[in-house]
Amino acid sequence: MKLARHGDARSKTSSPPLDSALVETRIGSGSDHTVFLNHLGRPVINLGFTGDYGVYHSMYDDHYWMAHIGDPSFEYHIALTRIWGVVALRLANADLLPFDSVSMLRRWNNS
């Protein structure tokens, strides 16, 4: 799904993406934070960009590749840093954390 740019004629007719398209609940067994979600029941978040990366966990997965090929201007890095900052501020200033405890309890009762 392509998102329309601000001012694009399609932006007025396209609907926002569904929550299921934005939230990945299957983090996978190879994830570093699996233990927190699957065993301790702690909420986790994984923010990042997807696309044709191809060098993840290879000998080319280094700063040189990123600075020259992957994201030479580091625009994606800056954007994600800003997103993480907003998330951190929202969580730090929230009167009630936005966790779905009822859903987690249902999962535990069904397992």
Protein backbone atom coordinates (compact mmCIF):
# COMPACT_ATOMS: atom_id res chain seq x y z
CA MET A 1 0.00 0.00 0.00
CA LYS A 2 1.44 3.35 -0.99
CA LEU A 3 0.65 6.32 1.16
CA ALA A 4 -0.35 9.46 -0.67
CA ARG A 5 1.64 12.62 -0.15
CA HIS A 6 0.12 15.67 1.46
CA GLY A 7 -1.75 17.61 -1.21
CA ASP A 8 -2.00 14.60 -3.53
CA ALA A 9 -5.46 14.13 -5.02
CA ARG A 10 -5.49 10.53 -3.79
CA SER A 11 -4.97 11.59 -0.18
CA LYS A 12 -8.60 12.72 0.09
CA THR A 13 -10.03 9.47 -1.24
CA SER A 14 -7.69 6.88 0.31
CA SER A 15 -8.46 5.48 3.71
CA PRO A 16 -5.90 5.17 6.50
CA PRO A 17 -4.20 1.79 6.92
CA LEU A 18 -5.80 -0.74 9.25
CA ASP A 19 -4.27 -1.29 12.69
CA SER A 20 -3.38 -4.83 11.63
CA ALA A 21 -1.23 -3.38 8.86
CA LEU A 22 0.61 -1.13 11.30
CA VAL A 23 1.13 -3.49 14.23
CA GLU A 24 3.18 -6.66 13.97
CA THR A 25 2.25 -9.05 16.76
CA ARG A 26 4.38 -11.94 15.53
CA ILE A 27 7.86 -10.82 16.39
CA GLY A 28 9.45 -14.20 15.76
CA SER A 29 11.63 -16.56 17.70
CA GLY A 30 14.88 -15.05 16.46
CA SER A 31 14.16 -11.64 17.91
CA ASP A 32 16.24 -10.20 20.74
CA HIS A 33 13.11 -9.25 22.64
CA THR A 34 11.18 -12.54 22.31
CA VAL A 35 11.88 -13.43 25.92
CA PHE A 36 10.20 -10.25 27.14
CA LEU A 37 7.04 -10.76 25.09
CA ASN A 38 6.61 -14.53 25.01
CA HIS A 39 7.94 -15.53 28.42
CA LEU A 40 7.54 -12.52 30.68
CA GLY A 41 4.49 -10.97 29.02
CA ARG A 42 6.14 -7.56 28.83
CA PRO A 43 5.06 -5.27 26.00
CA VAL A 44 7.73 -4.66 23.38
CA ILE A 45 8.09 -2.37 20.41
CA ASN A 46 10.15 -2.76 17.27
CA LEU A 47 10.33 0.38 15.17
CA GLY A 48 12.15 0.35 11.87
CA PHE A 49 11.90 0.58 8.14
CA THR A 50 11.49 -2.32 5.73
CA GLY A 51 12.63 -2.71 2.17
CA ASP A 52 15.37 -4.20 0.05
CA TYR A 53 18.19 -4.19 2.57
CA GLY A 54 19.91 -7.45 1.67
CA VAL A 55 23.05 -7.04 3.79
CA TYR A 56 21.52 -7.62 7.23
CA HIS A 57 23.87 -9.79 9.33
CA SER A 58 26.33 -10.17 6.48
CA MET A 59 29.93 -9.00 6.22
CA TYR A 60 28.62 -5.88 4.45
CA ASP A 61 26.37 -4.86 7.36
CA ASP A 62 28.58 -2.02 8.55
CA HIS A 63 28.84 1.75 8.74
CA TYR A 64 30.66 2.01 5.40
CA TRP A 65 27.80 0.31 3.53
CA MET A 66 25.19 2.45 5.24
CA ALA A 67 27.11 5.71 4.68
CA HIS A 68 27.77 5.01 1.00
CA ILE A 69 24.90 2.84 -0.24
CA GLY A 70 22.11 2.21 2.26
CA ASP A 71 21.32 5.68 3.61
CA PRO A 72 24.12 8.08 2.62
CA SER A 73 22.37 11.17 3.98
CA PHE A 74 21.14 9.24 7.06
CA GLU A 75 17.61 10.55 6.46
CA TYR A 76 16.01 7.29 7.61
CA HIS A 77 18.15 7.31 10.74
CA ILE A 78 17.07 10.86 11.55
CA ALA A 79 13.40 10.06 10.90
CA LEU A 80 13.45 6.97 13.11
CA THR A 81 15.29 8.84 15.87
CA ARG A 82 12.52 11.43 15.84
CA ILE A 83 9.85 8.72 15.98
CA TRP A 84 11.60 7.02 18.92
CA GLY A 85 11.81 10.40 20.66
CA VAL A 86 8.07 11.02 20.28
CA VAL A 87 7.29 7.49 21.53
CA ALA A 88 9.56 7.96 24.56
CA LEU A 89 8.00 11.33 25.43
CA ARG A 90 4.45 10.02 25.00
CA LEU A 91 5.15 7.01 27.23
CA ALA A 92 7.01 9.07 29.83
CA ASN A 93 4.20 11.63 30.09
CA ALA A 94 1.24 9.24 29.88
CA ASP A 95 -1.07 9.06 32.89
CA LEU A 96 -1.99 5.54 31.82
CA LEU A 97 0.31 3.42 29.65
CA PRO A 98 -1.35 2.23 26.42
CA PHE A 99 -0.96 -1.51 27.03
CA ASP A 100 -3.71 -4.00 26.20
CA SER A 101 -3.61 -6.08 29.39
CA VAL A 102 -6.98 -7.72 28.68
CA SER A 103 -5.68 -9.16 25.42
CA MET A 104 -2.59 -10.55 27.16
CA LEU A 105 -4.72 -12.18 29.88
CA ARG A 106 -6.91 -13.81 27.24
CA ARG A 107 -3.85 -15.24 25.54
CA TRP A 108 -2.51 -16.64 28.80
CA ASN A 109 -5.88 -18.23 29.63
CA ASN A 110 -6.07 -19.85 26.18
CA SER A 111 -2.60 -21.37 26.35
